[in-house]
């Protein structure tokens, strides 16, 4: 029986949010399949926790960027007089 592929070492950083989500999905599928040993399950859980934190931090940073953009750019719309007609 072939061993399931192991996750990268816990110190490896995800390349991107999308890569982290893909790896996290693979970890969950592997754990749900029940083919991992206890030691492999613990390692997968630890890696999954690290990936989850990376994803949460990435989403939080993106949310902060959106708030900054909204604060500086988005304002209540007030039509300019004469703008609706042909100028």
N, C-alpha and C. Protein backbone atom coordinates (compact mmCIF):
# COMPACT_ATOMS: atom_id res chain seq x y z
N UNK A 1 0.85 -1.18 0.00
CA UNK A 1 0.00 0.00 0.00
C UNK A 1 0.89 1.24 0.00
N UNK A 2 0.64 2.16 -0.92
CA UNK A 2 1.45 3.36 -1.03
C UNK A 2 1.10 4.33 0.09
N UNK A 3 2.13 5.00 0.57
CA UNK A 3 1.91 6.01 1.61
C UNK A 3 1.28 7.25 0.98
N UNK A 4 0.35 7.88 1.70
CA UNK A 4 -0.22 9.13 1.18
C UNK A 4 0.85 10.21 1.18
N UNK A 5 0.79 11.14 0.23
CA UNK A 5 1.79 12.20 0.20
C UNK A 5 1.73 13.03 1.48
N UNK A 6 2.89 13.36 1.98
CA UNK A 6 2.94 14.14 3.21
C UNK A 6 2.99 15.62 2.87
N UNK A 7 2.50 16.43 3.78
CA UNK A 7 2.52 17.87 3.62
C UNK A 7 3.94 18.37 3.78
N UNK A 8 4.23 19.57 3.26
CA UNK A 8 5.55 20.15 3.46
C UNK A 8 5.83 20.34 4.94
N UNK A 9 7.09 20.53 5.30
CA UNK A 9 7.41 20.75 6.70
C UNK A 9 6.62 21.92 7.26
N UNK A 10 6.31 21.92 8.57
CA UNK A 10 5.50 22.97 9.17
C UNK A 10 6.07 24.38 8.99
N UNK A 11 7.37 24.50 8.76
CA UNK A 11 7.96 25.83 8.62
C UNK A 11 7.76 26.41 7.23
N UNK A 12 7.33 25.59 6.25
CA UNK A 12 7.13 26.08 4.89
C UNK A 12 5.97 27.07 4.87
N UNK A 13 6.18 28.17 4.16
CA UNK A 13 5.15 29.20 4.05
C UNK A 13 4.41 28.99 2.74
N UNK A 14 3.11 29.19 2.76
CA UNK A 14 2.32 29.05 1.54
C UNK A 14 2.70 30.14 0.55
N UNK A 15 2.67 29.79 -0.73
CA UNK A 15 3.01 30.74 -1.78
C UNK A 15 1.95 31.83 -1.93
N UNK A 16 0.70 31.44 -1.75
CA UNK A 16 -0.40 32.38 -1.93
C UNK A 16 -1.60 31.88 -1.15
N UNK A 17 -2.61 32.73 -1.07
CA UNK A 17 -3.86 32.35 -0.41
C UNK A 17 -4.47 31.14 -1.12
N UNK A 18 -4.47 31.18 -2.45
CA UNK A 18 -5.06 30.09 -3.22
C UNK A 18 -4.31 28.78 -3.01
N UNK A 19 -2.97 28.85 -2.97
CA UNK A 19 -2.16 27.65 -2.74
C UNK A 19 -2.43 27.09 -1.34
N UNK A 20 -2.56 27.97 -0.37
CA UNK A 20 -2.84 27.54 1.00
C UNK A 20 -4.20 26.87 1.08
N UNK A 21 -5.20 27.43 0.42
CA UNK A 21 -6.54 26.83 0.43
C UNK A 21 -6.53 25.46 -0.24
N UNK A 22 -5.80 25.33 -1.35
CA UNK A 22 -5.72 24.05 -2.04
C UNK A 22 -5.07 23.00 -1.15
N UNK A 23 -3.97 23.38 -0.50
CA UNK A 23 -3.30 22.44 0.40
C UNK A 23 -4.19 22.08 1.58
N UNK A 24 -4.88 23.06 2.12
CA UNK A 24 -5.78 22.81 3.24
C UNK A 24 -6.89 21.84 2.84
N UNK A 25 -7.43 22.00 1.65
CA UNK A 25 -8.47 21.09 1.16
C UNK A 25 -7.93 19.67 1.03
N UNK A 26 -6.70 19.52 0.54
CA UNK A 26 -6.09 18.19 0.43
C UNK A 26 -5.89 17.56 1.80
N UNK A 27 -5.48 18.37 2.76
CA UNK A 27 -5.28 17.87 4.12
C UNK A 27 -6.59 17.36 4.70
N UNK A 28 -7.64 18.15 4.54
CA UNK A 28 -8.95 17.76 5.07
C UNK A 28 -9.42 16.48 4.40
N UNK A 29 -9.28 16.38 3.08
CA UNK A 29 -9.70 15.17 2.37
C UNK A 29 -8.92 13.95 2.87
N UNK A 30 -7.61 14.12 3.07
CA UNK A 30 -6.79 13.02 3.56
C UNK A 30 -7.20 12.58 4.95
N UNK A 31 -7.49 13.54 5.80
CA UNK A 31 -7.89 13.20 7.17
C UNK A 31 -9.27 12.55 7.18
N UNK A 32 -10.18 13.07 6.35
CA UNK A 32 -11.53 12.50 6.30
C UNK A 32 -11.53 11.09 5.73
N UNK A 33 -10.57 10.78 4.86
CA UNK A 33 -10.50 9.45 4.26
C UNK A 33 -10.08 8.40 5.28
N UNK A 34 -9.44 8.83 6.36
CA UNK A 34 -9.07 7.91 7.42
C UNK A 34 -7.90 7.00 7.11
N UNK A 35 -7.06 7.40 6.16
CA UNK A 35 -5.93 6.55 5.78
C UNK A 35 -4.62 6.99 6.43
N UNK A 36 -4.66 7.99 7.27
CA UNK A 36 -3.45 8.49 7.91
C UNK A 36 -3.22 7.82 9.25
N UNK A 37 -1.96 7.63 9.57
CA UNK A 37 -1.63 7.13 10.90
C UNK A 37 -1.88 8.25 11.90
N UNK A 38 -1.80 7.91 13.17
CA UNK A 38 -2.00 8.93 14.20
C UNK A 38 -0.95 10.03 14.06
N UNK A 39 0.30 9.65 13.84
CA UNK A 39 1.36 10.64 13.71
C UNK A 39 1.15 11.52 12.47
N UNK A 40 0.74 10.91 11.37
CA UNK A 40 0.46 11.68 10.17
C UNK A 40 -0.73 12.62 10.39
N UNK A 41 -1.73 12.14 11.10
CA UNK A 41 -2.90 12.98 11.40
C UNK A 41 -2.52 14.18 12.25
N UNK A 42 -1.65 13.96 13.23
CA UNK A 42 -1.21 15.08 14.07
C UNK A 42 -0.43 16.10 13.25
N UNK A 43 0.44 15.61 12.38
CA UNK A 43 1.21 16.51 11.51
C UNK A 43 0.31 17.26 10.56
N UNK A 44 -0.69 16.56 10.00
CA UNK A 44 -1.63 17.20 9.09
C UNK A 44 -2.46 18.25 9.81
N UNK A 45 -2.86 17.94 11.05
CA UNK A 45 -3.63 18.90 11.83
C UNK A 45 -2.80 20.15 12.10
N UNK A 46 -1.53 19.95 12.47
CA UNK A 46 -0.66 21.10 12.74
C UNK A 46 -0.47 21.95 11.49
N UNK A 47 -0.22 21.29 10.36
CA UNK A 47 -0.05 22.03 9.10
C UNK A 47 -1.35 22.75 8.74
N UNK A 48 -2.47 22.08 8.93
CA UNK A 48 -3.76 22.71 8.64
C UNK A 48 -3.99 23.94 9.49
N UNK A 49 -3.61 23.87 10.76
CA UNK A 49 -3.76 25.03 11.65
C UNK A 49 -2.89 26.19 11.17
N UNK A 50 -1.68 25.88 10.71
CA UNK A 50 -0.79 26.92 10.20
C UNK A 50 -1.36 27.55 8.93
N UNK A 51 -1.88 26.70 8.04
CA UNK A 51 -2.48 27.21 6.81
C UNK A 51 -3.72 28.05 7.10
N UNK A 52 -4.52 27.61 8.06
CA UNK A 52 -5.71 28.36 8.44
C UNK A 52 -5.34 29.75 8.94
N UNK A 53 -4.31 29.82 9.78
CA UNK A 53 -3.86 31.12 10.30
C UNK A 53 -3.36 32.00 9.16
N UNK A 54 -2.59 31.41 8.23
CA UNK A 54 -2.10 32.17 7.07
C UNK A 54 -3.28 32.73 6.28
N UNK A 55 -4.30 31.90 6.03
CA UNK A 55 -5.46 32.35 5.26
C UNK A 55 -6.23 33.44 6.00
N UNK A 56 -6.41 33.27 7.31
CA UNK A 56 -7.11 34.29 8.10
C UNK A 56 -6.34 35.60 8.09
N UNK A 57 -5.02 35.54 8.24
CA UNK A 57 -4.20 36.75 8.22
C UNK A 57 -4.26 37.43 6.85
N UNK A 58 -4.23 36.62 5.79
CA UNK A 58 -4.29 37.17 4.43
C UNK A 58 -5.63 37.85 4.19
N UNK A 59 -6.72 37.21 4.61
CA UNK A 59 -8.05 37.81 4.45
C UNK A 59 -8.20 39.09 5.28
N UNK A 60 -7.63 39.07 6.47
CA UNK A 60 -7.70 40.26 7.33
C UNK A 60 -6.95 41.43 6.67
N UNK A 61 -5.78 41.15 6.11
CA UNK A 61 -5.01 42.20 5.44
C UNK A 61 -5.77 42.73 4.23
N UNK A 62 -6.41 41.84 3.48
CA UNK A 62 -7.19 42.27 2.32
C UNK A 62 -8.37 43.13 2.75
N UNK A 63 -9.01 42.74 3.83
CA UNK A 63 -10.14 43.52 4.34
C UNK A 63 -9.69 44.93 4.76
N UNK A 64 -8.54 45.02 5.39
CA UNK A 64 -8.02 46.33 5.79
C UNK A 64 -7.72 47.18 4.56
N UNK A 65 -7.17 46.58 3.51
CA UNK A 65 -6.89 47.33 2.28
C UNK A 65 -8.18 47.85 1.66
N UNK A 66 -9.22 47.01 1.66
CA UNK A 66 -10.51 47.43 1.10
C UNK A 66 -11.07 48.59 1.90
N UNK A 67 -10.96 48.54 3.22
CA UNK A 67 -11.46 49.63 4.06
C UNK A 67 -10.72 50.92 3.78
N UNK A 68 -9.41 50.85 3.56
CA UNK A 68 -8.62 52.03 3.25
C UNK A 68 -9.07 52.62 1.91
N UNK A 69 -9.27 51.75 0.92
CA UNK A 69 -9.71 52.21 -0.40
C UNK A 69 -11.09 52.84 -0.30
N UNK A 70 -12.00 52.18 0.42
CA UNK A 70 -13.35 52.72 0.56
C UNK A 70 -13.34 54.06 1.26
N UNK A 71 -12.52 54.21 2.26
CA UNK A 71 -12.47 55.47 3.02
C UNK A 71 -11.94 56.60 2.16
N UNK A 72 -11.02 56.31 1.26
CA UNK A 72 -10.42 57.37 0.45
C UNK A 72 -11.09 57.61 -0.88
N UNK A 73 -11.89 56.66 -1.36
CA UNK A 73 -12.43 56.77 -2.71
C UNK A 73 -13.96 56.85 -2.72
N UNK A 74 -14.61 55.99 -1.99
CA UNK A 74 -16.06 55.92 -2.06
C UNK A 74 -16.71 57.03 -1.25
N UNK A 75 -17.58 57.73 -1.90
CA UNK A 75 -18.32 58.81 -1.24
C UNK A 75 -19.76 58.73 -1.73
N UNK A 76 -20.67 59.41 -1.03
CA UNK A 76 -22.05 59.46 -1.48
C UNK A 76 -22.09 60.09 -2.87
N UNK A 77 -22.91 59.52 -3.72
CA UNK A 77 -23.03 60.02 -5.08
C UNK A 77 -23.91 61.26 -5.11
N UNK A 78 -23.38 62.32 -5.64
CA UNK A 78 -24.15 63.55 -5.82
C UNK A 78 -23.97 63.96 -7.28
N UNK A 79 -25.03 63.82 -8.09
CA UNK A 79 -24.89 64.15 -9.51
C UNK A 79 -24.52 65.62 -9.70
N UNK A 80 -23.67 65.84 -10.67
CA UNK A 80 -23.24 67.20 -10.99
C UNK A 80 -24.31 67.84 -11.87
N UNK A 81 -24.67 69.09 -11.56
CA UNK A 81 -25.70 69.78 -12.33
C UNK A 81 -25.28 69.86 -13.79
N UNK A 82 -26.18 69.48 -14.69
CA UNK A 82 -25.90 69.56 -16.12
C UNK A 82 -25.17 68.35 -16.67
N UNK A 83 -24.77 67.43 -15.81
CA UNK A 83 -24.00 66.26 -16.29
C UNK A 83 -24.89 65.26 -17.00
N UNK A 84 -26.19 65.22 -16.67
CA UNK A 84 -27.09 64.23 -17.26
C UNK A 84 -27.41 64.58 -18.71
N UNK A 85 -27.44 65.85 -19.06
CA UNK A 85 -27.77 66.28 -20.41
C UNK A 85 -26.53 66.21 -21.31
N UNK A 86 -26.73 66.38 -22.58
CA UNK A 86 -25.60 66.38 -23.50
C UNK A 86 -24.80 67.66 -23.35
N UNK A 87 -23.51 67.55 -23.09
CA UNK A 87 -22.68 68.73 -22.91
C UNK A 87 -22.02 69.13 -24.18
